[in-house]
């Protein structure tokens, strides 16, 4: 069933190709809905979150030892659920796409197969194939169905991610060749992780450090981390609303997943050596992203820079290395996945009516679009970390874990390692996040309503289609804020083991 889930979108793609264009959006929504149902069946069928379920290993390219190896544990399952859920609401949001309908929905489903494949691949070669598959459909989805500067944005996205992929490939190849056995090359993520847990870095010395840095940059471009983030605002601004939802809700999480699944487990010692630099980059991303978001007048660009800020918590939690911090980093990926998708849909709702995103030209929309105002306020407060919502759980857990990342030698009293400074510095980002969201709330929804926005025919409240997208996202965001253990318990076995590995490496390397 896991293989069927991954390749189900390709079946939908073929059905769209062979059907009249008017059926394309229905097939897309139906395919995404079936994928979510299958995903839920797989999740409920897992007896334990520790270890891989639905495991399949078949010889693929025997000459170089590559296998079709897939499986899912708690870490992969939560991201599969996020992917299928966000894809379904994004498919519903795509209902009004009129330009080249068949091509759009085919690219949408090809993208979905790539995303699902990344989270289940347990062979590095297969992982890389799925990783690269996503480039093509996203390039066309931005470049054909995007805004006025779509060509520039799509090329920039492609070049940045391709450059990161080259560095990732270099790290992967060196790692695989350096760990070859008498029976051949080892591509299995499971086997390489076991080797690393015994020996530390899979490749020792400066070469191992190069492998880690290459993998880190490859994943960091996708996150995106500062200073590799500049492609993101352009891509978001030009992408159609449903694609922005997938880009922020799922694609950015693949970079964090790669770090958690591959980079840190394979090279814990190198990660410890680079710890201070990565912590500094994370803090800069959190604070700088918030500052730049506060200076935006384009509604969508503000949300794009907020993603740069919030994803900084992912790398901060990882580098801190405590169980709480890694738990918070992982939860930030899930929370940001639903909240950011909701925020971009909020932007899309008003853009469909006003045909601009200039926050300074809005005002008082709350009085004429009250349902829209309630949903937008919910998304804003969820993103700024209001208690009771998923964003608060993610930020609080990350801060708590980062502050706990402090070890003192009991004999000499010397600090072996400490990331408390990073926790304190990142607090400024939380304050700035509250500032730019409240400023946006005031500009767009409160105050006096310009006459142009008072016509209920031109500016109607949220439609049924928009409710079908926004309300489920809000419900899941609230559920994750009230009952976080439902999701944390799924990936906790993996993150707890990773925390032990990272902490031991930091002790050994002296931070």
Protein backbone atom coordinates (compact mmCIF):
# COMPACT_ATOMS: atom_id res chain seq x y z
CA UNK A 1 0.00 0.00 0.00
CA UNK A 2 2.91 2.37 0.65
CA UNK A 3 4.11 2.00 -2.94
CA UNK A 4 0.55 2.47 -4.17
CA UNK A 5 0.31 5.70 -2.13
CA UNK A 6 3.51 7.07 -3.66
CA UNK A 7 2.58 6.28 -7.26
CA UNK A 8 -1.18 6.91 -7.02
CA UNK A 9 -0.73 10.53 -8.23
CA UNK A 10 0.86 9.19 -11.43
CA UNK A 11 -2.31 7.17 -12.06
CA UNK A 12 -4.30 10.36 -11.60
CA UNK A 13 -1.89 12.15 -13.95
CA UNK A 14 -2.51 9.55 -16.68
CA UNK A 15 -6.28 9.81 -16.18
CA UNK A 16 -6.10 13.58 -16.62
CA UNK A 17 -3.96 13.16 -19.72
CA UNK A 18 -6.54 10.86 -21.29
CA UNK A 19 -9.64 12.82 -20.23
CA UNK A 20 -11.18 16.10 -21.39
CA UNK A 21 -9.69 19.16 -19.72
CA UNK A 22 -12.93 19.91 -17.83
CA UNK A 23 -12.43 16.77 -15.72
CA UNK A 24 -8.84 17.59 -14.70
CA UNK A 25 -9.60 19.44 -11.46
CA UNK A 26 -12.09 16.78 -10.32
CA UNK A 27 -9.57 14.00 -10.93
CA UNK A 28 -6.91 15.97 -9.05
CA UNK A 29 -9.12 16.49 -5.99
CA UNK A 30 -10.30 12.88 -6.06
CA UNK A 31 -6.74 11.56 -6.33
CA UNK A 32 -5.54 13.71 -3.43
CA UNK A 33 -8.56 12.65 -1.36
CA UNK A 34 -7.89 8.95 -1.99
CA UNK A 35 -4.21 9.50 -1.13
CA UNK A 36 -5.17 11.00 2.24
CA UNK A 37 -7.53 8.09 2.99
CA UNK A 38 -4.84 5.53 2.12
CA UNK A 39 -2.36 7.45 4.26
CA UNK A 40 -4.72 7.35 7.24
CA UNK A 41 -5.24 3.59 6.75
CA UNK A 42 -1.48 3.10 6.74
CA UNK A 43 -1.09 5.24 9.88
CA UNK A 44 -3.78 3.39 11.83
CA UNK A 45 -2.26 0.10 10.70
CA UNK A 46 1.13 0.80 12.28
CA UNK A 47 1.54 -1.08 15.57
CA UNK A 48 4.62 0.86 16.66
CA UNK A 49 6.26 4.17 15.75
CA UNK A 50 9.73 2.86 16.60
CA UNK A 51 11.27 1.29 13.49
CA UNK A 52 10.04 0.99 9.91
CA UNK A 53 6.66 -0.40 8.90
CA UNK A 54 5.36 -1.28 5.43
CA UNK A 55 8.98 -2.00 4.54
CA UNK A 56 9.86 -3.07 0.98
CA UNK A 57 13.30 -3.83 -0.44
CA UNK A 58 13.72 -5.02 -4.03
CA UNK A 59 16.84 -5.15 -6.23
CA UNK A 60 16.78 -2.25 -8.68
CA UNK A 61 20.21 -1.45 -10.12
CA UNK A 62 22.23 -4.44 -8.92
CA UNK A 63 25.43 -3.34 -10.69
CA UNK A 64 25.93 -0.52 -8.19
CA UNK A 65 23.96 -1.99 -5.28
CA UNK A 66 20.91 0.28 -5.55
CA UNK A 67 17.61 -1.04 -4.20
CA UNK A 68 14.02 0.09 -4.36
CA UNK A 69 13.88 0.41 -0.58
CA UNK A 70 10.98 2.17 1.10
CA UNK A 71 9.42 2.18 4.54
CA UNK A 72 7.87 4.55 7.04
CA UNK A 73 8.38 5.22 10.74
CA UNK A 74 6.76 7.83 12.97
CA UNK A 75 8.98 10.61 11.59
CA UNK A 76 8.05 9.84 8.00
CA UNK A 77 4.39 9.21 8.78
CA UNK A 78 3.67 12.63 10.28
CA UNK A 79 5.17 14.27 7.20
CA UNK A 80 3.24 11.98 4.87
CA UNK A 81 0.04 13.01 6.65
CA UNK A 82 1.00 16.66 6.35
CA UNK A 83 1.74 16.20 2.64
CA UNK A 84 -1.49 14.44 1.71
CA UNK A 85 -3.60 16.83 3.82
CA UNK A 86 -2.04 20.04 2.46
CA UNK A 87 -2.15 18.64 -1.08
CA UNK A 88 -5.88 17.94 -0.79
CA UNK A 89 -6.78 21.44 0.39
CA UNK A 90 -4.41 22.90 -2.24
CA UNK A 91 -6.15 20.85 -4.94
CA UNK A 92 -9.48 22.30 -3.78
CA UNK A 93 -7.89 25.77 -3.84
CA UNK A 94 -6.86 25.06 -7.46
CA UNK A 95 -10.49 24.72 -8.57
CA UNK A 96 -10.54 28.15 -10.22
CA UNK A 97 -7.34 27.66 -12.25
CA UNK A 98 -8.50 28.12 -15.84
CA UNK A 99 -5.24 28.39 -17.79
CA UNK A 100 -4.13 25.08 -19.33
CA UNK A 101 -6.14 23.10 -16.80
CA UNK A 102 -4.93 19.68 -17.86
CA UNK A 103 -1.25 20.66 -17.74
CA UNK A 104 -1.58 22.38 -14.36
CA UNK A 105 -3.21 19.42 -12.62
CA UNK A 106 -0.81 16.93 -14.21
CA UNK A 107 2.16 18.92 -12.90
CA UNK A 108 0.44 19.15 -9.51
CA UNK A 109 0.18 15.35 -9.24
CA UNK A 110 3.73 14.77 -10.47
CA UNK A 111 4.90 17.12 -7.71
CA UNK A 112 2.87 15.12 -5.18
CA UNK A 113 4.59 11.86 -6.16
CA UNK A 114 8.00 13.49 -5.67
CA UNK A 115 7.07 14.79 -2.23
CA UNK A 116 5.63 11.49 -1.03
CA UNK A 117 8.64 9.59 -2.35
CA UNK A 118 11.12 11.68 -0.40
CA UNK A 119 9.47 10.82 2.92
CA UNK A 120 9.43 7.05 2.32
CA UNK A 121 12.71 6.46 0.42
CA UNK A 122 15.26 4.51 2.46
CA UNK A 123 17.85 4.22 -0.30
CA UNK A 124 20.00 7.32 -0.92
CA UNK A 125 19.83 6.90 -4.70
CA UNK A 126 16.04 6.60 -4.60
CA UNK A 127 15.83 9.52 -2.17
CA UNK A 128 17.83 11.68 -4.57
CA UNK A 129 15.66 10.68 -7.53
CA UNK A 130 12.49 11.76 -5.73
CA UNK A 131 14.25 14.90 -4.49
CA UNK A 132 15.08 15.92 -8.05
CA UNK A 133 11.69 14.93 -9.50
CA UNK A 134 10.12 17.85 -7.66
CA UNK A 135 12.23 20.45 -9.45
CA UNK A 136 10.57 20.00 -12.84
CA UNK A 137 6.86 20.38 -11.93
CA UNK A 138 7.51 23.25 -9.50
CA UNK A 139 9.52 25.06 -12.17
CA UNK A 140 6.63 24.84 -14.63
CA UNK A 141 3.91 25.55 -12.04
CA UNK A 142 5.61 28.85 -11.20
CA UNK A 143 6.90 29.62 -14.70
CA UNK A 144 3.60 29.04 -16.56
CA UNK A 145 0.85 29.74 -14.00
CA UNK A 146 2.65 32.39 -11.93
CA UNK A 147 2.50 36.20 -11.85
CA UNK A 148 4.09 38.85 -14.08
CA UNK A 149 7.69 38.01 -13.06
CA UNK A 150 7.11 34.27 -13.10
CA UNK A 151 9.97 33.47 -15.49
CA UNK A 152 12.55 35.17 -13.28
CA UNK A 153 11.15 33.54 -10.13
CA UNK A 154 11.00 30.05 -11.65
CA UNK A 155 14.54 30.21 -13.04
CA UNK A 156 15.87 31.52 -9.72
CA UNK A 157 14.09 28.72 -7.85
CA UNK A 158 15.45 26.11 -10.25
CA UNK A 159 19.06 27.35 -10.15
CA UNK A 160 19.19 27.71 -6.37
CA UNK A 161 17.73 24.29 -5.70
CA UNK A 162 19.82 22.69 -8.45
CA UNK A 163 23.01 24.16 -6.96
CA UNK A 164 22.01 22.80 -3.56
CA UNK A 165 21.26 19.42 -5.12
CA UNK A 166 24.75 19.25 -6.66
CA UNK A 167 26.36 19.75 -3.25
CA UNK A 168 23.98 17.20 -1.75
CA UNK A 169 24.89 14.70 -4.47
CA UNK A 170 28.62 15.24 -3.84
CA UNK A 171 28.15 14.54 -0.13
CA UNK A 172 26.06 11.45 -0.87
CA UNK A 173 28.50 9.97 -3.38
CA UNK A 174 31.55 10.47 -1.17
CA UNK A 175 29.71 8.95 1.78
CA UNK A 176 28.59 5.92 -0.23
CA UNK A 177 32.01 5.25 -1.80
CA UNK A 178 33.84 5.72 1.50
CA UNK A 179 31.56 3.16 3.15
CA UNK A 180 31.70 0.52 0.44
CA UNK A 181 32.02 -3.08 1.67
CA UNK A 182 33.42 -6.22 0.11
CA UNK A 183 29.97 -6.93 -1.32
CA UNK A 184 29.63 -3.52 -2.98
CA UNK A 185 28.27 -0.03 -2.38
CA UNK A 186 25.86 0.64 0.48
CA UNK A 187 23.08 3.10 -0.34
CA UNK A 188 20.70 2.11 2.46
CA UNK A 189 19.88 4.97 4.83
CA UNK A 190 19.02 2.40 7.49
CA UNK A 191 22.37 0.61 7.23
CA UNK A 192 24.42 3.79 7.02
CA UNK A 193 22.63 5.20 10.08
CA UNK A 194 23.50 2.04 12.03
CA UNK A 195 27.15 2.38 11.00
CA UNK A 196 27.20 6.03 12.06
CA UNK A 197 25.64 5.24 15.44
CA UNK A 198 28.64 2.97 16.17
CA UNK A 199 31.50 4.85 14.52
CA UNK A 200 30.40 8.48 14.64
CA UNK A 201 30.89 10.29 11.33
CA UNK A 202 30.57 8.01 8.33
CA UNK A 203 33.59 9.72 6.74
CA UNK A 204 36.31 10.85 9.10
CA UNK A 205 38.27 14.09 9.15
CA UNK A 206 38.08 16.99 6.73
CA UNK A 207 36.35 14.91 4.04
CA UNK A 208 33.56 14.07 6.48
CA UNK A 209 33.21 17.74 7.35
CA UNK A 210 32.95 18.53 3.62
CA UNK A 211 30.26 15.86 3.22
CA UNK A 212 28.25 17.32 6.09
CA UNK A 213 28.58 20.89 4.81
CA UNK A 214 27.55 19.81 1.31
CA UNK A 215 24.51 17.97 2.64
CA UNK A 216 23.66 20.81 5.00
CA UNK A 217 23.74 23.43 2.24
CA UNK A 218 21.76 21.17 -0.08
CA UNK A 219 19.03 20.82 2.53
CA UNK A 220 19.40 24.42 3.77
CA UNK A 221 18.54 25.81 0.33
CA UNK A 222 15.22 24.00 0.51
CA UNK A 223 14.43 25.04 4.13
CA UNK A 224 15.53 27.81 3.27
CA UNK A 225 18.20 28.95 5.75
CA UNK A 226 19.90 32.33 5.70
CA UNK A 227 21.73 33.22 3.44
CA UNK A 228 20.28 30.73 0.92
CA UNK A 229 16.74 32.10 1.23
CA UNK A 230 16.53 34.78 -1.46
CA UNK A 231 14.73 32.54 -3.99
CA UNK A 232 11.79 32.01 -1.62
CA UNK A 233 10.10 35.47 -1.59
CA UNK A 234 10.26 35.70 -5.38
CA UNK A 235 8.86 32.19 -5.81
CA UNK A 236 6.03 32.81 -3.36
CA UNK A 237 5.04 36.18 -4.79
CA UNK A 238 4.86 34.87 -8.34
CA UNK A 239 3.44 31.39 -7.67
CA UNK A 240 -0.34 30.85 -7.84
CA UNK A 241 -1.95 30.59 -4.39
CA UNK A 242 -2.30 26.76 -4.27
CA UNK A 243 1.35 26.31 -5.25
CA UNK A 244 2.46 28.78 -2.58
CA UNK A 245 0.48 26.66 -0.11
CA UNK A 246 2.35 23.51 -1.14
CA UNK A 247 5.69 25.30 -1.35
CA UNK A 248 5.44 26.63 2.20
CA UNK A 249 3.42 23.76 3.65
CA UNK A 250 5.44 20.81 2.34
CA UNK A 251 8.46 21.59 0.15
CA UNK A 252 10.28 23.63 2.80
CA UNK A 253 9.82 20.75 5.24
CA UNK A 254 11.77 18.42 2.98
CA UNK A 255 14.96 20.34 3.74
CA UNK A 256 14.39 19.95 7.48
CA UNK A 257 13.53 16.29 7.00
CA UNK A 258 16.78 15.71 5.12
CA UNK A 259 18.75 17.24 7.97
CA UNK A 260 16.96 15.16 10.60
CA UNK A 261 16.99 11.88 8.64
CA UNK A 262 20.39 12.07 6.91
CA UNK A 263 22.79 14.95 7.66
CA UNK A 264 22.83 14.88 11.46
CA UNK A 265 22.57 11.07 11.94
CA UNK A 266 25.33 10.47 9.35
CA UNK A 267 27.70 13.19 10.62
CA UNK A 268 27.02 14.03 14.28
CA UNK A 269 30.67 14.98 14.98
CA UNK A 270 30.87 17.35 12.01
CA UNK A 271 27.52 18.84 13.05
CA UNK A 272 28.98 19.47 16.52
CA UNK A 273 32.00 21.22 15.00
CA UNK A 274 29.72 23.45 12.93
CA UNK A 275 27.24 23.91 15.78
CA UNK A 276 28.01 27.51 16.71
CA UNK A 277 27.97 28.65 13.08
CA UNK A 278 24.64 26.90 12.41
CA UNK A 279 23.14 28.33 15.61
CA UNK A 280 24.22 31.82 14.52
CA UNK A 281 22.69 31.30 11.06
CA UNK A 282 19.46 30.12 12.71
CA UNK A 283 19.23 33.18 14.96
CA UNK A 284 19.94 35.50 12.02
CA UNK A 285 17.18 33.80 10.01
CA UNK A 286 14.69 34.16 12.87
CA UNK A 287 15.44 37.82 13.61
CA UNK A 288 16.34 39.02 10.11
CA UNK A 289 13.32 37.30 8.57
CA UNK A 290 11.03 38.96 11.11
CA UNK A 291 12.58 42.39 10.56
CA UNK A 292 12.24 42.13 6.77
CA UNK A 293 8.67 40.83 7.07
CA UNK A 294 7.80 43.86 9.21
CA UNK A 295 9.07 46.17 6.47
CA UNK A 296 6.91 44.70 3.69
CA UNK A 297 3.86 46.30 2.14
CA UNK A 298 3.15 43.32 -0.15
CA UNK A 299 0.90 40.99 1.88
CA UNK A 300 2.25 37.82 0.25
CA UNK A 301 5.89 38.84 0.57
CA UNK A 302 5.35 39.47 4.29
CA UNK A 303 4.10 35.90 4.71
CA UNK A 304 7.06 34.61 2.64
CA UNK A 305 9.61 36.28 4.92
CA UNK A 306 7.73 35.02 7.96
CA UNK A 307 8.47 31.51 6.65
CA UNK A 308 12.20 32.29 6.60
CA UNK A 309 11.90 33.42 10.22
CA UNK A 310 9.88 30.47 11.48
CA UNK A 311 11.97 27.82 9.72
CA UNK A 312 14.99 29.17 11.59
CA UNK A 313 13.57 27.41 14.65
CA UNK A 314 14.02 24.07 12.87
CA UNK A 315 17.79 24.38 12.53
CA UNK A 316 18.06 26.00 15.97
CA UNK A 317 16.35 23.06 17.64
CA UNK A 318 18.46 20.58 15.69
CA UNK A 319 21.77 22.18 16.60
CA UNK A 320 20.80 22.45 20.27
CA UNK A 321 20.52 18.66 20.30
CA UNK A 322 18.36 18.06 23.39
CA UNK A 323 15.28 15.82 23.08
CA UNK A 324 12.98 18.81 23.72
CA UNK A 325 14.72 21.01 21.17
CA UNK A 326 14.64 18.41 18.37
CA UNK A 327 11.05 17.62 19.29
CA UNK A 328 10.22 21.33 18.97
CA UNK A 329 12.09 21.62 15.66
CA UNK A 330 10.09 18.75 14.23
CA UNK A 331 6.83 20.16 15.58
CA UNK A 332 7.65 23.53 14.04
CA UNK A 333 7.74 21.84 10.63
CA UNK A 334 4.28 20.36 11.19
CA UNK A 335 2.78 23.51 12.70
CA UNK A 336 4.25 25.78 10.03
CA UNK A 337 2.99 23.38 7.37
CA UNK A 338 -0.68 23.98 8.17
CA UNK A 339 -0.38 27.61 9.33
CA UNK A 340 1.61 28.81 6.31
CA UNK A 341 -0.79 27.06 3.91
CA UNK A 342 -3.66 28.84 5.64
CA UNK A 343 -1.87 32.20 5.50
CA UNK A 344 -1.19 31.97 1.77
CA UNK A 345 -4.82 31.05 1.16
CA UNK A 346 -5.82 34.11 3.21
CA UNK A 347 -3.73 36.22 0.84
CA UNK A 348 -5.25 34.46 -2.17
CA UNK A 349 -8.81 35.17 -1.00
CA UNK A 350 -8.37 38.93 -1.00
CA UNK A 351 -6.13 38.95 -4.08
CA UNK A 352 -8.89 37.24 -6.10
CA UNK A 353 -11.15 40.17 -5.25
CA UNK A 354 -8.84 43.20 -5.16
CA UNK A 355 -6.21 42.01 -7.70
CA UNK A 356 -3.46 43.59 -5.61
CA UNK A 357 -1.64 42.76 -2.35
CA UNK A 358 -0.64 46.24 -1.16
CA UNK A 359 -1.50 46.32 2.56
CA UNK A 360 -1.45 50.13 2.61
CA UNK A 361 -4.39 50.24 0.18
CA UNK A 362 -6.67 48.03 2.27
CA UNK A 363 -8.52 48.85 5.48
CA UNK A 364 -11.61 47.89 7.43
CA UNK A 365 -12.24 44.59 5.65
CA UNK A 366 -13.46 43.11 8.93
CA UNK A 367 -16.74 45.01 8.74
CA UNK A 368 -17.67 43.84 5.23
CA UNK A 369 -16.05 40.38 5.30
CA UNK A 370 -16.47 39.21 8.92
CA UNK A 371 -16.01 35.47 8.29
CA UNK A 372 -12.85 36.17 6.33
CA UNK A 373 -11.63 38.42 9.16
CA UNK A 374 -12.15 35.69 11.77
CA UNK A 375 -10.22 33.12 9.72
CA UNK A 376 -7.42 35.57 8.93
CA UNK A 377 -7.11 36.57 12.60
CA UNK A 378 -6.94 32.91 13.58
CA UNK A 379 -4.08 32.30 11.12
CA UNK A 380 -2.20 35.42 12.28
CA UNK A 381 -2.42 34.52 15.96
CA UNK A 382 -1.51 30.89 15.28
CA UNK A 383 1.63 32.00 13.43
CA UNK A 384 2.71 34.49 16.11
CA UNK A 385 2.49 31.76 18.75
CA UNK A 386 -0.73 32.32 20.67
CA UNK A 387 -1.11 29.67 23.42
CA UNK A 388 -3.60 26.98 22.47
CA UNK A 389 -2.39 26.82 18.88
CA UNK A 390 0.30 24.68 17.28
CA UNK A 391 2.76 27.53 16.71
CA UNK A 392 3.02 28.15 20.45
CA UNK A 393 3.77 24.49 21.20
CA UNK A 394 6.52 24.42 18.56
CA UNK A 395 8.21 27.64 19.66
CA UNK A 396 7.93 26.97 23.40
CA UNK A 397 9.35 23.45 23.08
CA UNK A 398 12.23 24.66 20.91
CA UNK A 399 13.10 27.47 23.32
CA UNK A 400 12.92 25.17 26.33
CA UNK A 401 15.12 22.57 24.69
CA UNK A 402 17.65 25.13 23.41
CA UNK A 403 17.96 26.72 26.85
CA UNK A 404 18.60 23.25 28.31
CA UNK A 405 21.48 22.72 25.85
CA UNK A 406 24.08 23.75 28.40
CA UNK A 407 26.71 21.41 29.88
CA UNK A 408 29.30 22.31 32.51
CA UNK A 409 32.29 20.16 33.47
CA UNK A 410 31.58 19.10 37.09
CA UNK A 411 35.30 19.07 37.94
CA UNK A 412 36.67 22.24 36.36
CA UNK A 413 33.43 24.21 36.09
CA UNK A 414 34.19 25.00 32.47
CA UNK A 415 31.30 25.20 30.00
CA UNK A 416 31.66 22.28 27.57
CA UNK A 417 28.94 23.61 25.29
CA UNK A 418 26.00 26.00 25.58
CA UNK A 419 23.38 27.37 23.21
CA UNK A 420 21.52 29.45 25.77
CA UNK A 421 22.75 32.58 24.01
CA UNK A 422 20.93 31.47 20.87
CA UNK A 423 17.67 30.95 22.80
CA UNK A 424 17.86 34.46 24.26
CA UNK A 425 18.78 36.05 20.91
CA UNK A 426 15.93 34.27 19.10
CA UNK A 427 13.38 35.74 21.54
CA UNK A 428 13.64 39.02 19.63
CA UNK A 429 12.19 37.23 16.60
CA UNK A 430 9.09 36.26 18.59
CA UNK A 431 8.49 39.88 19.60
CA UNK A 432 8.97 41.10 16.03
CA UNK A 433 6.61 38.41 14.73
CA UNK A 434 3.86 39.70 16.99
CA UNK A 435 4.61 43.24 15.78
CA UNK A 436 4.35 42.63 12.04
CA UNK A 437 1.22 40.50 12.32
CA UNK A 438 -0.59 43.04 14.49
CA UNK A 439 0.46 45.85 12.14
CA UNK A 440 -0.87 43.87 9.18
CA UNK A 441 -4.10 43.11 11.06
CA UNK A 442 -4.59 46.81 11.73
CA UNK A 443 -3.80 47.88 8.15
CA UNK A 444 -5.92 45.32 6.33
CA UNK A 445 -8.89 44.52 8.54
CA UNK A 446 -9.44 47.35 11.02
CA UNK A 447 -10.00 51.08 10.77
CA UNK A 448 -12.17 52.84 8.23
CA UNK A 449 -13.22 50.90 5.13
CA UNK A 450 -12.41 52.59 1.80
CA UNK A 451 -15.55 52.83 -0.30
CA UNK A 452 -14.10 50.58 -3.02
CA UNK A 453 -14.22 47.59 -0.62
CA UNK A 454 -17.82 48.03 0.51
CA UNK A 455 -19.52 46.51 -2.53
CA UNK A 456 -20.71 43.02 -1.47
CA UNK A 457 -20.85 41.87 -5.10
CA UNK A 458 -17.20 42.72 -5.77
CA UNK A 459 -15.97 41.87 -2.26
CA UNK A 460 -18.14 39.00 -1.01
CA UNK A 461 -17.26 37.09 2.14
CA UNK A 462 -15.49 33.73 1.90
CA UNK A 463 -17.07 31.30 -0.55
CA UNK A 464 -17.82 27.61 0.06
CA UNK A 465 -14.66 26.61 -1.82
CA UNK A 466 -12.55 28.94 0.31
CA UNK A 467 -14.16 27.61 3.50
CA UNK A 468 -13.38 24.04 2.42
CA UNK A 469 -9.73 25.06 2.30
CA UNK A 470 -9.44 27.35 5.33
CA UNK A 471 -11.66 25.65 7.92
CA UNK A 472 -9.89 22.23 7.82
CA UNK A 473 -6.50 23.96 8.07
CA UNK A 474 -7.73 25.98 11.07
CA UNK A 475 -9.20 22.87 12.71
CA UNK A 476 -5.97 20.87 12.41
CA UNK A 477 -3.93 23.85 13.65
CA UNK A 478 -6.14 24.09 16.73
CA UNK A 479 -6.07 20.32 17.26
CA UNK A 480 -2.28 20.34 17.14
CA UNK A 481 -2.21 23.16 19.68
CA UNK A 482 -4.56 21.46 22.14
CA UNK A 483 -3.38 17.84 21.74
CA UNK A 484 0.26 17.95 20.59
CA UNK A 485 1.07 14.53 22.06
CA UNK A 486 -0.97 12.87 19.30
CA UNK A 487 1.69 13.92 16.81
CA UNK A 488 4.77 14.15 19.04
CA UNK A 489 4.40 10.55 20.20
CA UNK A 490 4.66 9.42 16.58
CA UNK A 491 8.14 10.76 15.92
CA UNK A 492 9.49 10.89 19.50
CA UNK A 493 11.30 7.50 19.33
CA UNK A 494 13.38 8.76 16.41
CA UNK A 495 14.08 12.24 17.80
CA UNK A 496 15.02 10.86 21.23
CA UNK A 497 17.60 8.54 19.66
CA UNK A 498 18.93 11.39 17.52
CA UNK A 499 19.22 13.62 20.60
CA UNK A 500 21.43 11.01 22.31
CA UNK A 501 23.67 10.84 19.23
CA UNK A 502 23.98 14.63 18.94
CA UNK A 503 24.58 15.18 22.67
CA UNK A 504 27.30 12.52 22.78
CA UNK A 505 28.99 14.12 19.77
CA UNK A 506 28.89 17.58 21.38
CA UNK A 507 30.39 16.20 24.60
CA UNK A 508 33.14 14.47 22.66
CA UNK A 509 33.93 17.49 20.47
CA UNK A 510 33.58 20.05 23.26
CA UNK A 511 30.64 21.82 21.56
